[in-house]
Amino acid sequence: MIKTEKRTYETNTVSEIVCNVCERKLEANEHGYYEDFVHIDKLWGYTSENDGKEETVDICEKCWKKLKKTFKIKP
């Protein structure tokens, strides 16, 4: 005998992506895929003044291109 039970799972779904630099909302296409962007998720370590602080940043491609121009060492 096979016994079954009903399970409900909760998932996180992206509802909006906003560039942290220019505040523009990134657009999703007809398939639900968002335009590309840079995502940075940083957990600061023990030797930092921000020890234990977590920061998340999303940067659109246009702003990323501008930001890269300010780098002394290019990626």
PDB file of N, CA and C in Angstrom:
ATOM      1  N   MET A   1       0.843  -1.175   0.000  1.00  0.00           N
ATOM      2  CA  MET A   1       0.000   0.000   0.000  1.00  0.00           C
ATOM      3  C   MET A   1       0.888   1.238   0.000  1.00  0.00           C
ATOM      4  N   ILE A   2       0.570   2.169  -0.894  1.00  0.00           N
ATOM      5  CA  ILE A   2       1.284   3.436  -0.955  1.00  0.00           C
ATOM      6  C   ILE A   2       0.467   4.484  -0.225  1.00  0.00           C
ATOM      7  N   LYS A   3       1.091   5.081   0.750  1.00  0.00           N
ATOM      8  CA  LYS A   3       0.445   6.171   1.477  1.00  0.00           C
ATOM      9  C   LYS A   3       1.017   7.486   0.961  1.00  0.00           C
ATOM     10  N   THR A   4       0.172   8.439   0.787  1.00  0.00           N
ATOM     11  CA  THR A   4       0.623   9.749   0.318  1.00  0.00           C
ATOM     12  C   THR A   4       0.186  10.833   1.287  1.00  0.00           C
ATOM     13  N   GLU A   5       0.862  11.910   1.211  1.00  0.00           N
ATOM     14  CA  GLU A   5       0.481  13.082   2.000  1.00  0.00           C
ATOM     15  C   GLU A   5       0.704  14.309   1.136  1.00  0.00           C
ATOM     16  N   LYS A   6      -0.083  15.305   1.345  1.00  0.00           N
ATOM     17  CA  LYS A   6       0.016  16.538   0.572  1.00  0.00           C
ATOM     18  C   LYS A   6       1.001  17.468   1.270  1.00  0.00           C
ATOM     19  N   ARG A   7       1.969  17.972   0.505  1.00  0.00           N
ATOM     20  CA  ARG A   7       2.956  18.905   1.040  1.00  0.00           C
ATOM     21  C   ARG A   7       2.911  20.193   0.239  1.00  0.00           C
ATOM     22  N   THR A   8       3.038  21.276   0.932  1.00  0.00           N
ATOM     23  CA  THR A   8       3.069  22.580   0.290  1.00  0.00           C
ATOM     24  C   THR A   8       4.447  23.192   0.539  1.00  0.00           C
ATOM     25  N   TYR A   9       5.075  23.636  -0.533  1.00  0.00           N
ATOM     26  CA  TYR A   9       6.391  24.239  -0.429  1.00  0.00           C
ATOM     27  C   TYR A   9       6.311  25.724  -0.729  1.00  0.00           C
ATOM     28  N   GLU A  10       7.063  26.483   0.029  1.00  0.00           N
ATOM     29  CA  GLU A  10       7.124  27.918  -0.177  1.00  0.00           C
ATOM     30  C   GLU A  10       8.411  28.223  -0.932  1.00  0.00           C
ATOM     31  N   THR A  11       8.319  28.998  -1.981  1.00  0.00           N
ATOM     32  CA  THR A  11       9.504  29.372  -2.746  1.00  0.00           C
ATOM     33  C   THR A  11       9.572  30.884  -2.899  1.00  0.00           C
ATOM     34  N   ASN A  12      10.776  31.366  -3.069  1.00  0.00           N
ATOM     35  CA  ASN A  12      10.979  32.788  -3.334  1.00  0.00           C
ATOM     36  C   ASN A  12      11.009  32.990  -4.835  1.00  0.00           C
ATOM     37  N   THR A  13      10.261  33.935  -5.313  1.00  0.00           N
ATOM     38  CA  THR A  13      10.204  34.264  -6.726  1.00  0.00           C
ATOM     39  C   THR A  13      10.576  35.720  -6.909  1.00  0.00           C
ATOM     40  N   VAL A  14      11.431  35.979  -7.894  1.00  0.00           N
ATOM     41  CA  VAL A  14      11.840  37.359  -8.168  1.00  0.00           C
ATOM     42  C   VAL A  14      10.642  38.136  -8.698  1.00  0.00           C
ATOM     43  N   SER A  15      10.328  39.227  -8.042  1.00  0.00           N
ATOM     44  CA  SER A  15       9.203  40.046  -8.484  1.00  0.00           C
ATOM     45  C   SER A  15       9.673  41.368  -9.093  1.00  0.00           C
ATOM     46  N   GLU A  16      10.923  41.753  -8.764  1.00  0.00           N
ATOM     47  CA  GLU A  16      11.436  43.026  -9.250  1.00  0.00           C
ATOM     48  C   GLU A  16      12.942  43.074  -9.020  1.00  0.00           C
ATOM     49  N   ILE A  17      13.664  43.645  -9.983  1.00  0.00           N
ATOM     50  CA  ILE A  17      15.095  43.900  -9.823  1.00  0.00           C
ATOM     51  C   ILE A  17      15.310  45.369 -10.117  1.00  0.00           C
ATOM     52  N   VAL A  18      15.955  46.074  -9.182  1.00  0.00           N
ATOM     53  CA  VAL A  18      16.199  47.510  -9.325  1.00  0.00           C
ATOM     54  C   VAL A  18      17.701  47.761  -9.206  1.00  0.00           C
ATOM     55  N   CYS A  19      18.250  48.551 -10.129  1.00  0.00           N
ATOM     56  CA  CYS A  19      19.665  48.898 -10.091  1.00  0.00           C
ATOM     57  C   CYS A  19      19.928  49.810  -8.887  1.00  0.00           C
ATOM     58  N   ASN A  20      20.932  49.455  -8.087  1.00  0.00           N
ATOM     59  CA  ASN A  20      21.275  50.250  -6.914  1.00  0.00           C
ATOM     60  C   ASN A  20      21.920  51.589  -7.280  1.00  0.00           C
ATOM     61  N   VAL A  21      22.430  51.713  -8.508  1.00  0.00           N
ATOM     62  CA  VAL A  21      23.098  52.948  -8.917  1.00  0.00           C
ATOM     63  C   VAL A  21      22.100  53.956  -9.476  1.00  0.00           C
ATOM     64  N   CYS A  22      21.321  53.543 -10.480  1.00  0.00           N
ATOM     65  CA  CYS A  22      20.428  54.491 -11.163  1.00  0.00           C
ATOM     66  C   CYS A  22      18.951  54.319 -10.786  1.00  0.00           C
ATOM     67  N   GLU A  23      18.640  53.326  -9.997  1.00  0.00           N
ATOM     68  CA  GLU A  23      17.275  53.032  -9.523  1.00  0.00           C
ATOM     69  C   GLU A  23      16.311  52.601 -10.633  1.00  0.00           C
ATOM     70  N   ARG A  24      16.853  52.218 -11.796  1.00  0.00           N
ATOM     71  CA  ARG A  24      15.995  51.767 -12.890  1.00  0.00           C
ATOM     72  C   ARG A  24      15.536  50.337 -12.627  1.00  0.00           C
ATOM     73  N   LYS A  25      14.257  50.076 -12.896  1.00  0.00           N
ATOM     74  CA  LYS A  25      13.722  48.720 -12.773  1.00  0.00           C
ATOM     75  C   LYS A  25      14.115  47.934 -14.017  1.00  0.00           C
ATOM     76  N   LEU A  26      14.749  46.791 -13.833  1.00  0.00           N
ATOM     77  CA  LEU A  26      15.143  45.962 -14.954  1.00  0.00           C
ATOM     78  C   LEU A  26      13.921  45.246 -15.502  1.00  0.00           C
ATOM     79  N   GLU A  27      13.887  45.100 -16.813  1.00  0.00           N
ATOM     80  CA  GLU A  27      12.731  44.524 -17.492  1.00  0.00           C
ATOM     81  C   GLU A  27      12.897  43.022 -17.688  1.00  0.00           C
ATOM     82  N   ALA A  28      11.776  42.320 -17.612  1.00  0.00           N
ATOM     83  CA  ALA A  28      11.752  40.892 -17.908  1.00  0.00           C
ATOM     84  C   ALA A  28      11.154  40.707 -19.300  1.00  0.00           C
ATOM     85  N   ASN A  29      11.648  39.686 -20.021  1.00  0.00           N
ATOM     86  CA  ASN A  29      11.085  39.426 -21.348  1.00  0.00           C
ATOM     87  C   ASN A  29       9.826  38.568 -21.229  1.00  0.00           C
ATOM     88  N   GLU A  30       9.273  38.167 -22.371  1.00  0.00           N
ATOM     89  CA  GLU A  30       8.014  37.409 -22.366  1.00  0.00           C
ATOM     90  C   GLU A  30       8.156  36.035 -21.710  1.00  0.00           C
ATOM     91  N   HIS A  31       9.403  35.570 -21.527  1.00  0.00           N
ATOM     92  CA  HIS A  31       9.624  34.270 -20.883  1.00  0.00           C
ATOM     93  C   HIS A  31       9.951  34.407 -19.396  1.00  0.00           C
ATOM     94  N   GLY A  32       9.976  35.641 -18.908  1.00  0.00           N
ATOM     95  CA  GLY A  32      10.241  35.875 -17.491  1.00  0.00           C
ATOM     96  C   GLY A  32      11.711  36.048 -17.141  1.00  0.00           C
ATOM     97  N   TYR A  33      12.577  36.089 -18.160  1.00  0.00           N
ATOM     98  CA  TYR A  33      14.002  36.284 -17.907  1.00  0.00           C
ATOM     99  C   TYR A  33      14.320  37.772 -17.894  1.00  0.00           C
ATOM    100  N   TYR A  34      15.055  38.194 -16.846  1.00  0.00           N
ATOM    101  CA  TYR A  34      15.415  39.609 -16.718  1.00  0.00           C
ATOM    102  C   TYR A  34      16.654  39.922 -17.536  1.00  0.00           C
ATOM    103  N   GLU A  35      16.752  41.200 -17.959  1.00  0.00           N
ATOM    104  CA  GLU A  35      17.977  41.633 -18.624  1.00  0.00           C
ATOM    105  C   GLU A  35      19.140  41.408 -17.669  1.00  0.00           C
ATOM    106  N   ASP A  36      20.319  41.223 -18.232  1.00  0.00           N
ATOM    107  CA  ASP A  36      21.465  40.847 -17.407  1.00  0.00           C
ATOM    108  C   ASP A  36      21.923  42.003 -16.513  1.00  0.00           C
ATOM    109  N   PHE A  37      22.531  41.662 -15.395  1.00  0.00           N
ATOM    110  CA  PHE A  37      23.004  42.646 -14.428  1.00  0.00           C
ATOM    111  C   PHE A  37      24.089  42.008 -13.576  1.00  0.00           C
ATOM    112  N   VAL A  38      24.802  42.828 -12.815  1.00  0.00           N
ATOM    113  CA  VAL A  38      25.830  42.357 -11.887  1.00  0.00           C
ATOM    114  C   VAL A  38      25.197  42.260 -10.507  1.00  0.00           C
ATOM    115  N   HIS A  39      25.392  41.110  -9.845  1.00  0.00           N
ATOM    116  CA  HIS A  39      24.864  40.903  -8.491  1.00  0.00           C
ATOM    117  C   HIS A  39      26.047  40.681  -7.557  1.00  0.00           C
ATOM    118  N   ILE A  40      26.130  41.483  -6.509  1.00  0.00           N
ATOM    119  CA  ILE A  40      27.198  41.347  -5.510  1.00  0.00           C
ATOM    120  C   ILE A  40      26.546  41.084  -4.160  1.00  0.00           C
ATOM    121  N   ASP A  41      26.988  40.017  -3.516  1.00  0.00           N
ATOM    122  CA  ASP A  41      26.499  39.662  -2.183  1.00  0.00           C
ATOM    123  C   ASP A  41      27.724  39.530  -1.296  1.00  0.00           C
ATOM    124  N   LYS A  42      27.903  40.451  -0.365  1.00  0.00           N
ATOM    125  CA  LYS A  42      29.118  40.511   0.439  1.00  0.00           C
ATOM    126  C   LYS A  42      28.808  40.371   1.921  1.00  0.00           C
ATOM    127  N   LEU A  43      29.471  39.406   2.559  1.00  0.00           N
ATOM    128  CA  LEU A  43      29.428  39.261   4.018  1.00  0.00           C
ATOM    129  C   LEU A  43      30.796  39.690   4.515  1.00  0.00           C
ATOM    130  N   TRP A  44      30.830  40.816   5.221  1.00  0.00           N
ATOM    131  CA  TRP A  44      32.093  41.376   5.673  1.00  0.00           C
ATOM    132  C   TRP A  44      32.704  40.526   6.771  1.00  0.00           C
ATOM    133  N   GLY A  45      34.034  40.391   6.727  1.00  0.00           N
ATOM    134  CA  GLY A  45      34.755  39.526   7.649  1.00  0.00           C
ATOM    135  C   GLY A  45      35.259  40.225   8.900  1.00  0.00           C
ATOM    136  N   TYR A  46      35.923  39.434   9.711  1.00  0.00           N
ATOM    137  CA  TYR A  46      36.384  39.840  11.032  1.00  0.00           C
ATOM    138  C   TYR A  46      37.290  41.060  11.023  1.00  0.00           C
ATOM    139  N   THR A  47      38.151  41.182  10.029  1.00  0.00           N
ATOM    140  CA  THR A  47      39.116  42.296  10.032  1.00  0.00           C
ATOM    141  C   THR A  47      38.538  43.595   9.473  1.00  0.00           C
ATOM    142  N   SER A  48      37.290  43.581   9.076  1.00  0.00           N
ATOM    143  CA  SER A  48      36.658  44.762   8.485  1.00  0.00           C
ATOM    144  C   SER A  48      35.956  45.607   9.545  1.00  0.00           C
ATOM    145  N   GLU A  49      35.826  46.897   9.244  1.00  0.00           N
ATOM    146  CA  GLU A  49      35.030  47.775  10.105  1.00  0.00           C
ATOM    147  C   GLU A  49      33.547  47.400  10.026  1.00  0.00           C
ATOM    148  N   ASN A  50      33.173  46.667   8.973  1.00  0.00           N
ATOM    149  CA  ASN A  50      31.786  46.228   8.774  1.00  0.00           C
ATOM    150  C   ASN A  50      31.580  44.780   9.211  1.00  0.00           C
ATOM    151  N   ASP A  51      32.382  44.306  10.129  1.00  0.00           N
ATOM    152  CA  ASP A  51      32.364  42.911  10.571  1.00  0.00           C
ATOM    153  C   ASP A  51      30.944  42.386  10.794  1.00  0.00           C
ATOM    154  N   GLY A  52      30.611  41.307  10.092  1.00  0.00           N
ATOM    155  CA  GLY A  52      29.319  40.662  10.266  1.00  0.00           C
ATOM    156  C   GLY A  52      28.193  41.267   9.453  1.00  0.00           C
ATOM    157  N   LYS A  53      28.448  42.397   8.804  1.00  0.00           N
ATOM    158  CA  LYS A  53      27.410  43.069   8.023  1.00  0.00           C
ATOM    159  C   LYS A  53      27.322  42.413   6.640  1.00  0.00           C
ATOM    160  N   GLU A  54      26.098  42.191   6.177  1.00  0.00           N
ATOM    161  CA  GLU A  54      25.894  41.631   4.846  1.00  0.00           C
ATOM    162  C   GLU A  54      25.263  42.698   3.953  1.00  0.00           C
ATOM    163  N   GLU A  55      25.818  42.843   2.763  1.00  0.00           N
ATOM    164  CA  GLU A  55      25.313  43.825   1.812  1.00  0.00           C
ATOM    165  C   GLU A  55      25.080  43.150   0.460  1.00  0.00           C
ATOM    166  N   THR A  56      23.988  43.508  -0.181  1.00  0.00           N
ATOM    167  CA  THR A  56      23.655  42.988  -1.492  1.00  0.00           C
ATOM    168  C   THR A  56      23.418  44.161  -2.439  1.00  0.00           C
ATOM    169  N   VAL A  57      24.027  44.082  -3.620  1.00  0.00           N
ATOM    170  CA  VAL A  57      23.947  45.156  -4.601  1.00  0.00           C
ATOM    171  C   VAL A  57      23.653  44.555  -5.971  1.00  0.00           C
ATOM    172  N   ASP A  58      22.760  45.192  -6.721  1.00  0.00           N
ATOM    173  CA  ASP A  58      22.489  44.808  -8.100  1.00  0.00           C
ATOM    174  C   ASP A  58      22.740  46.031  -8.979  1.00  0.00           C
ATOM    175  N   ILE A  59      23.507  45.828 -10.066  1.00  0.00           N
ATOM    176  CA  ILE A  59      23.899  46.937 -10.931  1.00  0.00           C
ATOM    177  C   ILE A  59      23.562  46.576 -12.375  1.00  0.00           C
ATOM    178  N   CYS A  60      22.789  47.443 -13.035  1.00  0.00           N
ATOM    179  CA  CYS A  60      22.420  47.195 -14.435  1.00  0.00           C
ATOM    180  C   CYS A  60      23.669  47.273 -15.324  1.00  0.00           C
ATOM    181  N   GLU A  61      23.548  46.743 -16.534  1.00  0.00           N
ATOM    182  CA  GLU A  61      24.691  46.679 -17.438  1.00  0.00           C
ATOM    183  C   GLU A  61      25.221  48.065 -17.811  1.00  0.00           C
ATOM    184  N   LYS A  62      24.323  49.015 -18.013  1.00  0.00           N
ATOM    185  CA  LYS A  62      24.733  50.380 -18.373  1.00  0.00           C
ATOM    186  C   LYS A  62      25.578  51.015 -17.261  1.00  0.00           C
ATOM    187  N   CYS A  63      25.115  50.897 -16.025  1.00  0.00           N
ATOM    188  CA  CYS A  63      25.856  51.455 -14.887  1.00  0.00           C
ATOM    189  C   CYS A  63      27.156  50.693 -14.651  1.00  0.00           C
ATOM    190  N   TRP A  64      27.153  49.394 -14.896  1.00  0.00           N
ATOM    191  CA  TRP A  64      28.357  48.584 -14.731  1.00  0.00           C
ATOM    192  C   TRP A  64      29.445  49.056 -15.696  1.00  0.00           C
ATOM    193  N   LYS A  65      29.056  49.345 -16.936  1.00  0.00           N
ATOM    194  CA  LYS A  65      30.031  49.827 -17.921  1.00  0.00           C
ATOM    195  C   LYS A  65      30.654  51.140 -17.449  1.00  0.00           C
ATOM    196  N   LYS A  66      29.842  52.037 -16.900  1.00  0.00           N
ATOM    197  CA  LYS A  66      30.350  53.322 -16.386  1.00  0.00           C
ATOM    198  C   LYS A  66      31.279  53.090 -15.197  1.00  0.00           C
ATOM    199  N   LEU A  67      30.884  52.202 -14.304  1.00  0.00           N
ATOM    200  CA  LEU A  67      31.676  51.921 -13.100  1.00  0.00           C
ATOM    201  C   LEU A  67      33.028  51.313 -13.458  1.00  0.00           C
ATOM    202  N   LYS A  68      33.048  50.406 -14.427  1.00  0.00           N
ATOM    203  CA  LYS A  68      34.305  49.765 -14.835  1.00  0.00           C
ATOM    204  C   LYS A  68      35.318  50.781 -15.344  1.00  0.00           C
ATOM    205  N   LYS A  69      34.844  51.858 -15.953  1.00  0.00           N
ATOM    206  CA  LYS A  69      35.755  52.884 -16.476  1.00  0.00           C
ATOM    207  C   LYS A  69      36.541  53.572 -15.361  1.00  0.00           C
ATOM    208  N   THR A  70      36.044  53.517 -14.117  1.00  0.00           N
ATOM    209  CA  THR A  70      36.716  54.152 -12.990  1.00  0.00           C
ATOM    210  C   THR A  70      37.770  53.242 -12.358  1.00  0.00           C
ATOM    211  N   PHE A  71      37.813  51.967 -12.756  1.00  0.00           N
ATOM    212  CA  PHE A  71      38.767  51.004 -12.183  1.00  0.00           C
ATOM    213  C   PHE A  71      40.195  51.309 -12.641  1.00  0.00           C
ATOM    214  N   LYS A  72      41.144  51.277 -11.738  1.00  0.00           N
ATOM    215  CA  LYS A  72      42.559  51.420 -12.087  1.00  0.00           C
ATOM    216  C   LYS A  72      43.048  50.141 -12.775  1.00  0.00           C
ATOM    217  N   ILE A  73      42.569  48.990 -12.313  1.00  0.00           N
ATOM    218  CA  ILE A  73      42.904  47.695 -12.910  1.00  0.00           C
ATOM    219  C   ILE A  73      41.624  47.170 -13.553  1.00  0.00           C
ATOM    220  N   LYS A  74      41.630  46.999 -14.853  1.00  0.00           N
ATOM    221  CA  LYS A  74      40.445  46.568 -15.585  1.00  0.00           C
ATOM    222  C   LYS A  74      40.191  45.084 -15.353  1.00  0.00           C
ATOM    223  N   PRO A  75      38.906  44.690 -15.284  1.00  0.00           N
ATOM    224  CA  PRO A  75      38.602  43.268 -15.125  1.00  0.00           C
ATOM    225  C   PRO A  75      38.935  42.488 -16.392  1.00  0.00           C
TER     226      PRO A  75
END
